[in-house]
N, C-alpha and C. Protein backbone atom coordinates (compact mmCIF):
# COMPACT_ATOMS: atom_id res chain seq x y z
N MET A 1 -34.64 -12.86 -0.35
CA MET A 1 -34.10 -12.38 0.92
C MET A 1 -33.33 -11.58 0.64
N THR A 2 -33.13 -10.54 1.05
CA THR A 2 -32.18 -9.33 0.90
C THR A 2 -30.76 -9.52 1.77
N LEU A 3 -29.90 -8.77 1.64
CA LEU A 3 -28.59 -9.16 2.36
C LEU A 3 -28.93 -8.73 3.66
N LEU A 4 -29.55 -7.70 4.53
CA LEU A 4 -29.36 -7.24 5.15
C LEU A 4 -30.19 -8.28 5.89
N ALA A 5 -31.39 -9.01 5.57
CA ALA A 5 -32.26 -9.86 6.20
C ALA A 5 -31.10 -11.09 6.44
N LEU A 6 -30.23 -11.79 5.39
CA LEU A 6 -29.09 -12.63 5.68
C LEU A 6 -28.49 -12.61 6.99
N MET A 7 -27.96 -11.31 6.64
CA MET A 7 -26.99 -10.48 8.18
C MET A 7 -28.05 -11.09 9.57
N ARG A 8 -28.64 -10.97 9.80
CA ARG A 8 -30.13 -11.08 10.68
C ARG A 8 -29.90 -12.68 10.76
N GLN A 9 -30.29 -13.12 10.02
CA GLN A 9 -30.53 -14.55 9.93
C GLN A 9 -29.13 -15.47 10.40
N GLY A 10 -28.06 -15.16 10.05
CA GLY A 10 -27.09 -15.69 10.05
C GLY A 10 -26.56 -15.55 11.90
N GLY A 11 -27.12 -14.38 12.41
CA GLY A 11 -26.45 -14.09 13.88
C GLY A 11 -25.64 -13.57 13.68
N ILE A 12 -24.87 -13.06 14.57
CA ILE A 12 -23.78 -12.54 15.25
C ILE A 12 -22.28 -12.36 14.60
N ILE A 13 -21.97 -13.41 14.08
CA ILE A 13 -20.62 -14.38 13.54
C ILE A 13 -21.11 -13.51 12.02
N SER A 14 -22.17 -14.04 11.39
CA SER A 14 -22.42 -13.40 10.13
C SER A 14 -22.13 -11.81 9.83
N GLN A 15 -22.83 -11.03 10.51
CA GLN A 15 -22.69 -9.61 11.23
C GLN A 15 -21.22 -9.33 11.20
N LEU A 16 -20.55 -9.85 12.07
CA LEU A 16 -18.99 -9.63 12.39
C LEU A 16 -18.54 -9.66 11.20
N VAL A 17 -18.67 -10.89 10.27
CA VAL A 17 -17.93 -10.91 8.82
C VAL A 17 -18.50 -10.17 8.19
N ALA A 18 -19.42 -9.84 8.20
CA ALA A 18 -19.73 -8.97 6.78
C ALA A 18 -19.17 -7.14 7.24
N LEU A 19 -19.38 -6.75 8.44
CA LEU A 19 -18.61 -5.65 8.98
C LEU A 19 -16.68 -5.42 8.75
N LEU A 20 -16.28 -6.84 8.93
CA LEU A 20 -15.04 -6.77 8.76
C LEU A 20 -14.44 -7.15 7.18
N LEU A 21 -15.64 -7.23 6.47
CA LEU A 21 -15.16 -7.60 4.80
C LEU A 21 -15.57 -5.64 4.54
N LEU A 22 -16.47 -5.20 5.05
CA LEU A 22 -16.75 -3.71 4.48
C LEU A 22 -15.55 -2.71 4.96
N ALA A 23 -14.88 -3.23 6.27
CA ALA A 23 -13.53 -2.49 6.59
C ALA A 23 -12.90 -2.70 5.74
N MET A 24 -12.57 -3.78 5.51
CA MET A 24 -11.10 -4.11 4.28
C MET A 24 -11.41 -3.56 3.03
N SER A 25 -12.78 -3.38 2.85
CA SER A 25 -13.08 -2.93 1.45
C SER A 25 -12.59 -1.14 1.20
N VAL A 26 -13.29 -0.64 2.25
CA VAL A 26 -12.80 1.09 2.38
C VAL A 26 -11.84 0.94 2.72
N ALA A 27 -10.85 0.52 3.73
CA ALA A 27 -9.70 0.27 3.68
C ALA A 27 -8.90 0.50 2.62
N SER A 28 -9.10 -0.72 1.82
CA SER A 28 -8.31 -1.03 0.52
C SER A 28 -8.14 0.12 -0.57
N TRP A 29 -9.55 0.30 -0.76
CA TRP A 29 -9.83 1.74 -1.81
C TRP A 29 -9.67 2.90 -1.54
N VAL A 30 -9.62 3.38 -0.03
CA VAL A 30 -8.72 4.00 0.14
C VAL A 30 -7.17 4.43 -0.33
N VAL A 31 -6.77 3.00 -0.16
CA VAL A 31 -5.06 3.01 -0.16
C VAL A 31 -5.11 3.15 -1.72
N ILE A 32 -5.70 2.21 -2.29
CA ILE A 32 -6.01 2.26 -3.70
C ILE A 32 -5.82 3.87 -4.67
N LEU A 33 -6.84 4.67 -4.13
CA LEU A 33 -7.09 6.20 -4.89
C LEU A 33 -5.58 6.96 -4.06
N TRP A 34 -5.44 6.93 -3.10
CA TRP A 34 -4.27 7.69 -2.30
C TRP A 34 -3.11 7.19 -3.24
N LYS A 35 -2.74 5.70 -3.29
CA LYS A 35 -1.26 5.52 -3.73
C LYS A 35 -1.46 5.71 -5.00
N GLY A 36 -2.55 5.55 -5.94
CA GLY A 36 -2.75 5.97 -7.42
C GLY A 36 -2.38 7.03 -7.81
N TRP A 37 -2.72 7.99 -7.02
CA TRP A 37 -2.88 9.41 -7.11
C TRP A 37 -1.00 9.83 -6.55
N LEU A 38 -0.70 9.23 -6.38
CA LEU A 38 0.44 9.67 -5.44
C LEU A 38 1.60 9.39 -6.54
N LEU A 39 1.61 7.74 -6.66
CA LEU A 39 2.46 7.58 -7.75
C LEU A 39 2.57 7.94 -9.07
N HIS A 40 0.80 8.00 -9.92
CA HIS A 40 0.63 8.80 -10.79
C HIS A 40 1.30 10.49 -10.95
N ARG A 41 1.42 10.76 -9.87
CA ARG A 41 2.51 12.22 -9.73
C ARG A 41 3.76 11.90 -9.69
N ALA A 42 4.17 11.19 -8.91
CA ALA A 42 5.70 10.78 -8.65
C ALA A 42 6.33 10.15 -9.45
N LYS A 43 5.92 9.90 -10.47
CA LYS A 43 6.42 8.75 -11.64
C LYS A 43 7.11 9.91 -12.62
N GLY A 44 6.46 11.19 -12.71
CA GLY A 44 6.87 11.95 -13.83
C GLY A 44 7.41 13.27 -12.92
N ASP A 45 6.94 13.34 -11.93
CA ASP A 45 8.09 14.38 -11.04
C ASP A 45 9.32 13.95 -10.55
N VAL A 46 9.32 12.35 -10.45
CA VAL A 46 11.11 11.89 -10.49
C VAL A 46 12.07 12.47 -11.09
N ALA A 47 11.31 11.87 -12.23
CA ALA A 47 11.92 12.15 -13.51
C ALA A 47 12.43 13.65 -13.98
N ARG A 48 11.75 14.46 -13.79
CA ARG A 48 11.82 15.76 -13.84
C ARG A 48 12.64 17.02 -13.05
N SER A 49 12.67 16.26 -11.73
CA SER A 49 13.34 16.95 -10.59
C SER A 49 14.92 16.05 -10.77
N ILE A 50 15.28 15.09 -11.22
CA ILE A 50 16.09 14.04 -11.42
C ILE A 50 17.19 15.20 -12.30
N ALA A 51 16.19 15.33 -13.78
CA ALA A 51 16.60 16.19 -14.96
C ALA A 51 17.24 17.49 -14.17
N ALA A 52 16.09 17.89 -13.41
CA ALA A 52 16.91 19.55 -13.17
C ALA A 52 17.82 19.49 -12.35
N PHE A 53 17.88 19.11 -11.45
CA PHE A 53 19.15 18.88 -10.56
C PHE A 53 20.42 18.61 -11.27
N TRP A 54 20.48 17.80 -12.52
CA TRP A 54 21.75 17.65 -13.04
C TRP A 54 22.18 18.77 -14.12
N GLN A 55 21.05 19.63 -14.43
CA GLN A 55 20.91 20.86 -15.39
C GLN A 55 21.60 22.01 -14.37
N SER A 56 21.37 22.14 -13.41
CA SER A 56 21.78 23.20 -12.37
C SER A 56 23.56 23.13 -12.69
N SER A 57 23.72 24.61 -12.08
CA SER A 57 25.05 24.84 -11.95
C SER A 57 26.05 24.70 -10.50
N SER A 58 24.93 24.43 -9.91
CA SER A 58 24.94 23.98 -8.33
C SER A 58 24.22 23.19 -7.34
N VAL A 59 24.45 22.69 -6.38
CA VAL A 59 23.46 21.74 -5.77
C VAL A 59 22.54 22.89 -4.99
N GLU A 60 23.06 23.83 -4.38
CA GLU A 60 22.24 25.41 -4.01
C GLU A 60 21.27 25.53 -5.03
N VAL A 61 21.83 26.05 -6.50
CA VAL A 61 20.68 25.97 -7.46
C VAL A 61 19.71 24.43 -7.46
N ALA A 62 20.19 23.60 -7.40
CA ALA A 62 19.55 22.26 -7.73
C ALA A 62 18.49 21.95 -6.75
N ARG A 63 18.54 22.45 -5.84
CA ARG A 63 17.84 22.27 -4.51
C ARG A 63 16.45 23.08 -4.69
N GLU A 64 16.91 24.45 -5.28
CA GLU A 64 15.80 25.13 -5.33
C GLU A 64 14.64 24.68 -6.51
N LYS A 65 15.51 24.11 -7.93
CA LYS A 65 14.93 23.66 -8.80
C LYS A 65 13.90 22.32 -8.65
N VAL A 66 14.57 21.50 -7.83
CA VAL A 66 13.87 20.52 -7.50
C VAL A 66 12.88 20.43 -6.57
N GLY A 67 12.93 21.40 -5.68
CA GLY A 67 11.44 21.80 -5.12
C GLY A 67 10.28 22.09 -5.65
N ALA A 68 10.55 22.92 -6.83
CA ALA A 68 9.47 23.22 -7.79
C ALA A 68 8.94 21.95 -8.43
N PHE A 69 9.39 21.12 -8.69
CA PHE A 69 9.00 20.23 -9.33
C PHE A 69 8.72 18.83 -8.53
N ASP A 70 9.23 18.30 -7.40
CA ASP A 70 9.10 17.41 -6.77
C ASP A 70 8.04 17.75 -5.61
N ARG A 71 6.71 17.36 -6.13
CA ARG A 71 5.64 17.72 -5.00
C ARG A 71 5.27 16.68 -4.06
N GLU A 72 5.68 15.48 -4.10
CA GLU A 72 5.73 14.26 -3.34
C GLU A 72 7.11 14.01 -2.48
N ALA A 73 7.74 15.20 -2.61
CA ALA A 73 8.95 15.28 -1.68
C ALA A 73 9.98 14.00 -1.59
N LEU A 74 10.12 13.18 -3.01
CA LEU A 74 11.24 12.01 -2.72
C LEU A 74 12.38 12.20 -3.47
N VAL A 75 12.88 13.20 -4.27
CA VAL A 75 13.98 13.23 -4.36
C VAL A 75 14.84 14.48 -3.54
N LEU A 76 14.13 15.71 -2.77
CA LEU A 76 14.53 16.55 -2.34
C LEU A 76 15.19 16.12 -0.99
N PRO A 77 14.64 14.99 -0.17
CA PRO A 77 15.14 14.85 0.72
C PRO A 77 16.58 14.24 0.75
N LEU A 78 17.06 13.30 -0.63
CA LEU A 78 18.10 13.25 -0.78
C LEU A 78 19.10 14.17 -1.25
N VAL A 79 18.74 15.26 -1.82
CA VAL A 79 19.45 16.48 -1.80
C VAL A 79 19.96 17.15 -0.68
N ALA A 80 18.51 17.73 0.18
CA ALA A 80 18.81 18.04 1.37
C ALA A 80 19.68 17.14 2.41
N ALA A 81 19.80 16.42 2.36
CA ALA A 81 20.42 15.63 3.08
C ALA A 81 21.92 15.64 2.85
N THR A 82 22.48 16.01 1.98
CA THR A 82 23.68 16.06 1.83
C THR A 82 24.32 17.68 2.34
N SER A 83 23.53 18.45 2.85
CA SER A 83 24.20 19.65 3.58
C SER A 83 23.96 19.30 5.22
N ILE A 84 23.75 18.29 5.63
CA ILE A 84 23.91 18.22 7.11
C ILE A 84 25.18 18.23 7.28
N LYS A 85 25.19 19.14 8.44
CA LYS A 85 26.85 19.33 8.76
C LYS A 85 27.33 18.86 10.20
N GLY A 86 28.47 18.29 10.34
CA GLY A 86 28.97 17.55 11.53
C GLY A 86 28.33 18.20 12.83
N ASP A 87 28.18 17.61 14.15
CA ASP A 87 27.82 18.26 15.07
C ASP A 87 28.74 17.69 16.60
N GLY A 88 29.84 16.95 15.81
CA GLY A 88 30.79 16.38 16.67
C GLY A 88 30.12 15.45 17.75
N THR A 89 29.01 14.51 16.97
CA THR A 89 28.60 13.50 17.53
C THR A 89 29.39 12.28 17.06
N LEU A 90 28.82 11.06 16.97
CA LEU A 90 29.26 9.79 16.63
C LEU A 90 28.76 9.90 15.20
N ALA A 91 27.91 10.56 14.98
CA ALA A 91 27.17 10.37 13.24
C ALA A 91 27.66 11.49 12.77
N SER A 92 28.69 12.17 12.87
CA SER A 92 29.76 13.01 12.54
C SER A 92 31.13 12.30 12.38
N ALA A 93 31.45 11.52 12.70
CA ALA A 93 32.62 10.85 12.58
C ALA A 93 33.23 9.75 11.29
N GLY A 94 34.13 10.15 11.29
CA GLY A 94 34.77 9.39 9.85
C GLY A 94 34.92 10.51 8.98
N ASP A 95 35.41 9.96 7.54
CA ASP A 95 35.44 10.90 6.77
C ASP A 95 34.35 10.95 5.82
N SER A 96 34.58 12.02 5.08
CA SER A 96 32.98 12.85 4.14
C SER A 96 32.68 11.50 3.86
N ALA A 97 32.92 10.86 2.75
CA ALA A 97 32.54 9.73 2.01
C ALA A 97 31.92 9.05 2.91
N GLN A 98 31.93 8.59 3.92
CA GLN A 98 31.21 7.46 4.89
C GLN A 98 29.76 8.38 5.65
N ARG A 99 30.27 9.80 5.93
CA ARG A 99 29.44 10.62 6.06
C ARG A 99 27.53 10.45 5.02
N LEU A 100 28.54 11.03 3.76
CA LEU A 100 27.79 11.13 3.23
C LEU A 100 26.71 9.56 2.48
N THR A 101 27.46 8.82 2.53
CA THR A 101 27.04 7.40 2.28
C THR A 101 25.77 7.09 3.18
N ARG A 102 25.97 7.70 4.71
CA ARG A 102 24.99 7.43 5.93
C ARG A 102 23.55 7.97 5.26
N VAL A 103 23.86 9.67 5.51
CA VAL A 103 22.78 10.35 5.20
C VAL A 103 22.06 10.24 4.36
N LEU A 104 23.01 9.57 3.04
CA LEU A 104 22.14 9.37 1.81
C LEU A 104 21.18 7.98 1.78
N ARG A 105 21.73 7.20 2.39
CA ARG A 105 21.11 5.88 3.00
C ARG A 105 20.08 5.92 3.34
N ASP A 106 20.33 7.15 5.03
CA ASP A 106 18.76 7.17 5.53
C ASP A 106 17.98 7.95 5.09
N ALA A 107 18.00 8.77 3.96
CA ALA A 107 17.16 9.55 3.37
C ALA A 107 16.53 8.44 2.21
N LEU A 108 17.18 8.03 1.63
CA LEU A 108 16.62 6.85 0.58
C LEU A 108 15.65 6.33 1.62
N HIS A 109 16.03 5.56 2.41
CA HIS A 109 14.88 4.56 3.30
C HIS A 109 13.98 4.99 3.98
N ALA A 110 13.87 6.37 3.96
CA ALA A 110 12.58 7.34 4.53
C ALA A 110 11.78 7.47 2.95
N VAL A 111 12.43 7.51 2.17
CA VAL A 111 11.36 8.05 0.87
C VAL A 111 10.73 6.46 0.39
N LEU A 112 11.64 5.58 0.35
CA LEU A 112 11.18 4.31 0.14
C LEU A 112 9.98 3.64 0.83
N HIS A 113 10.25 4.19 2.46
CA HIS A 113 9.00 3.85 3.05
C HIS A 113 7.64 4.71 2.91
N LYS A 114 7.63 5.81 2.31
CA LYS A 114 6.77 6.46 2.09
C LYS A 114 6.41 5.77 0.55
N LEU A 115 6.89 5.51 -0.14
CA LEU A 115 6.61 4.70 -1.40
C LEU A 115 6.16 3.31 -1.05
N GLN A 116 6.36 2.81 -0.31
CA GLN A 116 5.74 1.16 0.43
C GLN A 116 4.99 1.38 1.31
N PHE A 117 4.27 2.30 1.64
CA PHE A 117 3.13 2.75 2.80
C PHE A 117 1.95 2.31 2.17
N GLY A 118 1.33 1.55 2.84
CA GLY A 118 -0.23 0.61 2.21
C GLY A 118 -0.24 -0.38 1.69
N GLN A 119 1.16 -1.22 1.25
CA GLN A 119 1.26 -2.10 0.51
C GLN A 119 0.88 -3.17 1.04
N VAL A 120 1.22 -3.24 2.29
CA VAL A 120 1.09 -4.15 3.42
C VAL A 120 -0.34 -4.56 4.01
N LEU A 121 -1.56 -3.56 3.78
CA LEU A 121 -2.48 -3.47 3.45
C LEU A 121 -3.00 -4.23 2.34
N LEU A 122 -2.96 -3.36 1.12
CA LEU A 122 -3.10 -4.51 0.26
C LEU A 122 -3.25 -6.06 0.16
N ALA A 123 -1.88 -6.33 0.73
CA ALA A 123 -1.42 -7.58 0.65
C ALA A 123 -1.98 -8.23 1.49
N THR A 124 -2.85 -7.94 2.99
CA THR A 124 -3.46 -8.29 3.55
C THR A 124 -4.56 -8.79 3.32
N VAL A 125 -5.13 -7.57 2.82
CA VAL A 125 -6.54 -7.75 2.35
C VAL A 125 -6.59 -8.72 1.38
N GLY A 126 -5.98 -9.00 0.40
CA GLY A 126 -5.81 -9.59 -1.01
C GLY A 126 -5.83 -11.09 -0.38
N SER A 127 -5.18 -11.20 0.72
CA SER A 127 -4.96 -12.58 1.19
C SER A 127 -5.57 -12.98 1.93
N THR A 128 -6.37 -12.43 2.65
CA THR A 128 -7.06 -12.84 4.25
C THR A 128 -8.88 -12.70 3.39
N ALA A 129 -9.05 -11.73 2.84
CA ALA A 129 -10.38 -11.50 2.49
C ALA A 129 -11.50 -13.00 1.92
N PRO A 130 -10.64 -13.94 1.00
CA PRO A 130 -11.33 -14.81 0.67
C PRO A 130 -11.96 -15.69 2.13
N PHE A 131 -10.89 -15.94 2.84
CA PHE A 131 -11.07 -16.93 3.46
C PHE A 131 -11.87 -16.01 5.02
N VAL A 132 -11.75 -14.73 4.82
CA VAL A 132 -12.66 -14.24 5.79
C VAL A 132 -14.26 -14.58 5.18
N GLY A 133 -14.13 -14.48 4.19
CA GLY A 133 -15.83 -14.91 3.31
C GLY A 133 -16.12 -15.87 3.71
N LEU A 134 -15.16 -16.90 3.51
CA LEU A 134 -15.61 -18.37 3.14
C LEU A 134 -16.10 -18.70 4.47
N LEU A 135 -15.06 -18.07 5.97
CA LEU A 135 -15.72 -18.15 7.04
C LEU A 135 -17.82 -17.84 7.19
N GLY A 136 -17.98 -17.17 6.68
CA GLY A 136 -19.11 -16.26 6.61
C GLY A 136 -19.75 -17.20 6.04
N THR A 137 -19.43 -17.75 5.06
CA THR A 137 -20.37 -18.71 3.93
C THR A 137 -20.75 -20.26 5.02
N VAL A 138 -19.43 -20.85 5.72
CA VAL A 138 -19.75 -21.84 6.35
C VAL A 138 -20.44 -21.44 7.14
N TRP A 139 -20.45 -20.50 8.00
CA TRP A 139 -21.55 -20.43 9.20
C TRP A 139 -22.77 -20.17 9.01
N GLY A 140 -23.43 -19.34 7.50
CA GLY A 140 -24.31 -18.96 7.25
C GLY A 140 -24.73 -20.51 6.90
N ILE A 141 -24.46 -21.32 6.13
CA ILE A 141 -24.84 -22.60 6.10
C ILE A 141 -25.30 -23.43 7.11
N TYR A 142 -24.30 -23.29 8.03
CA TYR A 142 -24.59 -24.08 9.07
C TYR A 142 -25.86 -23.50 9.96
N HIS A 143 -25.90 -22.41 10.16
CA HIS A 143 -27.01 -21.33 10.77
C HIS A 143 -28.31 -22.06 10.64
N ALA A 144 -28.24 -22.15 8.89
CA ALA A 144 -29.45 -22.09 8.19
C ALA A 144 -29.81 -23.79 8.22
N LEU A 145 -29.01 -24.54 8.12
CA LEU A 145 -29.34 -26.38 8.22
C LEU A 145 -29.75 -26.46 9.77
N THR A 146 -28.90 -25.43 10.54
CA THR A 146 -29.66 -26.10 12.17
C THR A 146 -30.95 -25.81 12.69
N ALA A 147 -31.48 -24.61 11.92
CA ALA A 147 -32.69 -24.11 11.80
C ALA A 147 -33.81 -25.03 11.18
N MET A 148 -33.53 -25.25 9.92
CA MET A 148 -34.18 -25.74 9.23
C MET A 148 -34.54 -27.28 9.53
N ALA A 149 -33.67 -28.29 10.21
CA ALA A 149 -33.60 -29.13 11.11
C ALA A 149 -34.40 -29.28 12.46
N THR A 150 -34.08 -28.22 13.13
CA THR A 150 -35.17 -28.04 13.97
C THR A 150 -36.99 -27.73 13.49
N ALA A 151 -36.70 -27.52 12.67
CA ALA A 151 -38.11 -26.70 11.71
C ALA A 151 -38.78 -28.65 11.14
N GLY A 152 -38.20 -29.41 11.44
CA GLY A 152 -39.16 -30.57 10.87
C GLY A 152 -38.84 -30.95 9.32
N GLN A 153 -39.59 -30.96 8.48
CA GLN A 153 -39.19 -31.74 7.39
C GLN A 153 -38.34 -30.94 6.38
N VAL A 154 -36.94 -31.25 6.18
CA VAL A 154 -36.47 -30.75 5.26
C VAL A 154 -36.30 -31.05 3.72
N THR A 155 -36.61 -30.42 2.57
CA THR A 155 -36.50 -30.53 0.97
C THR A 155 -35.46 -29.68 0.45
N ILE A 156 -35.32 -30.18 -0.72
CA ILE A 156 -34.30 -29.32 -1.79
C ILE A 156 -34.48 -27.85 -1.89
N ASP A 157 -35.93 -27.45 -1.86
CA ASP A 157 -36.36 -25.79 -2.08
C ASP A 157 -35.79 -25.38 -1.04
N LYS A 158 -36.22 -25.93 0.12
CA LYS A 158 -35.54 -25.10 1.55
C LYS A 158 -34.44 -25.07 1.63
N VAL A 159 -33.58 -26.10 0.88
CA VAL A 159 -32.29 -25.98 1.48
C VAL A 159 -31.45 -24.93 0.46
N SER A 160 -31.78 -25.18 -0.59
CA SER A 160 -31.28 -24.60 -1.90
C SER A 160 -31.24 -22.70 -1.60
N GLY A 161 -32.08 -22.08 -1.14
CA GLY A 161 -32.20 -20.81 -0.85
C GLY A 161 -31.55 -20.14 0.40
N PRO A 162 -31.64 -20.64 1.41
CA PRO A 162 -30.47 -20.04 2.50
C PRO A 162 -29.32 -20.85 2.27
N VAL A 163 -28.80 -22.02 2.01
CA VAL A 163 -27.62 -22.39 1.13
C VAL A 163 -27.06 -21.10 -0.14
N GLY A 164 -27.83 -20.93 -0.78
CA GLY A 164 -27.35 -20.26 -1.89
C GLY A 164 -27.21 -18.72 -1.44
N GLU A 165 -27.66 -18.37 -0.32
CA GLU A 165 -27.78 -16.65 -0.01
C GLU A 165 -26.71 -16.82 0.88
N ALA A 166 -26.18 -17.92 2.06
CA ALA A 166 -25.31 -17.99 2.51
C ALA A 166 -23.67 -17.77 1.54
N LEU A 167 -23.96 -18.09 0.31
CA LEU A 167 -22.34 -18.47 -0.67
C LEU A 167 -22.22 -16.77 -0.97
N ILE A 168 -23.28 -16.08 -0.81
CA ILE A 168 -22.97 -14.35 -1.26
C ILE A 168 -21.55 -13.93 -0.51
N MET A 169 -21.47 -14.89 0.83
CA MET A 169 -20.33 -14.06 2.09
C MET A 169 -19.00 -14.54 1.02
N THR A 170 -18.77 -15.74 0.29
CA THR A 170 -17.73 -16.01 -0.31
C THR A 170 -17.36 -15.20 -1.59
N ALA A 171 -18.63 -15.06 -2.40
CA ALA A 171 -18.49 -13.84 -3.65
C ALA A 171 -18.31 -12.53 -2.70
N ALA A 172 -18.71 -11.70 -2.00
CA ALA A 172 -18.07 -10.57 -1.24
C ALA A 172 -16.71 -10.77 -0.41
N GLY A 173 -16.13 -11.69 -0.11
CA GLY A 173 -14.95 -11.85 -0.07
C GLY A 173 -14.19 -11.71 -1.30
N LEU A 174 -14.15 -12.17 -2.44
CA LEU A 174 -13.59 -11.93 -3.59
C LEU A 174 -13.79 -11.00 -4.24
N VAL A 175 -14.77 -10.14 -3.94
CA VAL A 175 -14.71 -8.62 -4.39
C VAL A 175 -13.94 -7.71 -3.51
N VAL A 176 -13.88 -8.11 -2.53
CA VAL A 176 -13.04 -7.10 -1.68
C VAL A 176 -11.77 -7.66 -1.88
N ALA A 177 -10.96 -8.80 -2.26
CA ALA A 177 -9.77 -9.55 -2.73
C ALA A 177 -9.14 -9.01 -3.88
N ILE A 178 -9.93 -9.20 -4.86
CA ILE A 178 -9.34 -9.22 -6.24
C ILE A 178 -8.80 -7.37 -6.58
N PRO A 179 -9.58 -6.60 -6.14
CA PRO A 179 -9.16 -5.23 -6.20
C PRO A 179 -7.92 -4.85 -5.93
N ALA A 180 -8.25 -5.34 -4.25
CA ALA A 180 -6.84 -5.20 -3.41
C ALA A 180 -5.42 -5.81 -4.21
N VAL A 181 -5.74 -7.19 -4.68
CA VAL A 181 -4.29 -7.95 -5.40
C VAL A 181 -4.06 -7.02 -6.74
N LEU A 182 -4.73 -7.27 -7.44
CA LEU A 182 -4.26 -6.07 -8.68
C LEU A 182 -3.58 -4.55 -8.23
N ALA A 183 -4.63 -4.30 -6.99
CA ALA A 183 -3.51 -2.88 -7.01
C ALA A 183 -2.24 -3.06 -6.23
N TYR A 184 -2.08 -4.26 -5.09
CA TYR A 184 -0.88 -4.37 -5.23
C TYR A 184 0.11 -4.85 -6.41
N ASN A 185 -0.18 -5.44 -7.30
CA ASN A 185 0.87 -5.91 -8.14
C ASN A 185 1.69 -4.68 -9.18
N VAL A 186 0.25 -3.95 -9.51
CA VAL A 186 0.46 -2.87 -10.41
C VAL A 186 1.32 -1.76 -9.35
N PHE A 187 0.93 -1.33 -8.24
CA PHE A 187 1.46 -0.41 -7.64
C PHE A 187 3.28 -1.17 -7.29
N GLY A 188 3.47 -2.14 -7.45
CA GLY A 188 4.32 -2.79 -6.78
C GLY A 188 5.56 -2.59 -8.13
N ARG A 189 5.16 -2.91 -9.36
CA ARG A 189 5.89 -2.46 -10.73
C ARG A 189 5.84 -0.92 -10.69
N SER A 190 5.26 -0.09 -10.14
CA SER A 190 5.34 1.32 -10.64
C SER A 190 6.81 1.63 -9.52
N ILE A 191 6.63 1.14 -8.15
CA ILE A 191 7.07 1.62 -7.35
C ILE A 191 8.70 1.26 -7.12
N GLY A 192 8.90 0.08 -7.72
CA GLY A 192 10.25 -0.52 -8.48
C GLY A 192 10.59 0.21 -9.18
N ARG A 193 10.15 0.97 -10.46
CA ARG A 193 10.91 1.44 -11.26
C ARG A 193 11.01 2.96 -10.17
N ILE A 194 10.36 3.51 -9.72
CA ILE A 194 10.85 5.03 -8.85
C ILE A 194 11.86 4.63 -7.94
N GLU A 195 11.84 3.20 -7.52
CA GLU A 195 13.08 2.74 -6.54
C GLU A 195 14.39 2.70 -7.28
N ALA A 196 14.37 2.29 -8.36
CA ALA A 196 15.22 2.33 -8.98
C ALA A 196 16.12 3.63 -9.46
N ASP A 197 15.14 4.39 -9.61
CA ASP A 197 15.41 5.55 -10.22
C ASP A 197 16.05 6.60 -9.12
N LEU A 198 15.55 6.84 -7.89
CA LEU A 198 16.08 7.08 -6.45
C LEU A 198 17.22 6.61 -6.32
N GLU A 199 17.40 5.31 -6.35
CA GLU A 199 18.40 4.47 -5.97
C GLU A 199 19.83 4.94 -7.00
N GLY A 200 19.72 5.16 -8.16
CA GLY A 200 20.78 5.52 -9.05
C GLY A 200 21.44 7.06 -9.02
N PHE A 201 19.95 7.81 -8.68
CA PHE A 201 19.87 9.06 -8.28
C PHE A 201 21.39 9.10 -6.93
N ALA A 202 20.54 8.43 -6.01
CA ALA A 202 21.49 8.72 -4.61
C ALA A 202 22.76 8.29 -4.80
N ARG A 203 23.21 6.98 -5.70
CA ARG A 203 24.71 6.99 -6.08
C ARG A 203 25.60 7.81 -7.03
N ASP A 204 24.36 8.06 -7.53
CA ASP A 204 25.22 9.25 -8.58
C ASP A 204 25.63 10.59 -7.88
N LEU A 205 24.69 10.80 -6.85
CA LEU A 205 24.83 12.18 -6.09
C LEU A 205 26.18 12.20 -5.07
N ARG A 206 26.22 10.20 -4.69
CA ARG A 206 27.40 10.29 -3.44
C ARG A 206 28.59 10.61 -4.59
N GLU A 207 28.76 9.99 -5.75
CA GLU A 207 29.98 9.85 -6.42
C GLU A 207 30.27 11.85 -6.38
N LEU A 208 28.98 12.02 -7.16
CA LEU A 208 29.48 13.54 -7.28
C LEU A 208 30.24 14.09 -6.28
N LEU A 209 29.45 13.98 -5.14
CA LEU A 209 30.05 15.20 -3.86
C LEU A 209 31.11 14.32 -3.77
N ALA A 210 31.01 13.30 -3.17
CA ALA A 210 32.53 12.55 -2.75
C ALA A 210 33.52 13.16 -3.40
N ARG A 211 33.89 12.88 -4.74
CA ARG A 211 34.69 13.58 -5.54
C ARG A 211 34.82 14.96 -5.45
N LYS A 212 34.23 15.55 -5.42
CA LYS A 212 34.25 17.16 -5.12
C LYS A 212 34.93 17.46 -3.68
N ASP A 213 34.76 16.42 -2.61
CA ASP A 213 35.55 16.82 -1.42
C ASP A 213 36.97 16.25 -1.85
């Protein structure tokens, strides 16, 4: 029996479970490929951008150099945030050190949000896909046993086929979940390293500009 025939035999519930697993798999792989590409570029860009900043003669020159290396715009927002001028609002109240801390914190949070984007989806798929597949298995077994019970005599050979085919849904749930879990863990480590570099740069940048003021 093919998978398509199994879905038709299982009814609407099995079909919905299969479509949900397919959607979860497609969504997770889109995030995996996109984040893998982003983090691969970001890892080198952040290091080169920070090095270019400290090798510059001024913040203005550094902004131009960083823009040439920072393809994912992870370091440049921190540098650009330091040039925001006061506009007479409460946001510009207080001394320069406080304003500098606030704008750097906000810029850092925005950058980290960009890095963390998609992690929730991977965690959700990794934790729920096995149970979604198990739901499809339970329903498929129930549906198969009900159909055979109404058909009359039930033997092992008649039970083993439909039940074994229903277990495919559990395997499908694991196939969807495992890549998502692995990617979540690998990306989490990479994001942690980049986050530490950005936080250290923001702290050093604040000290530099606060001392200059």
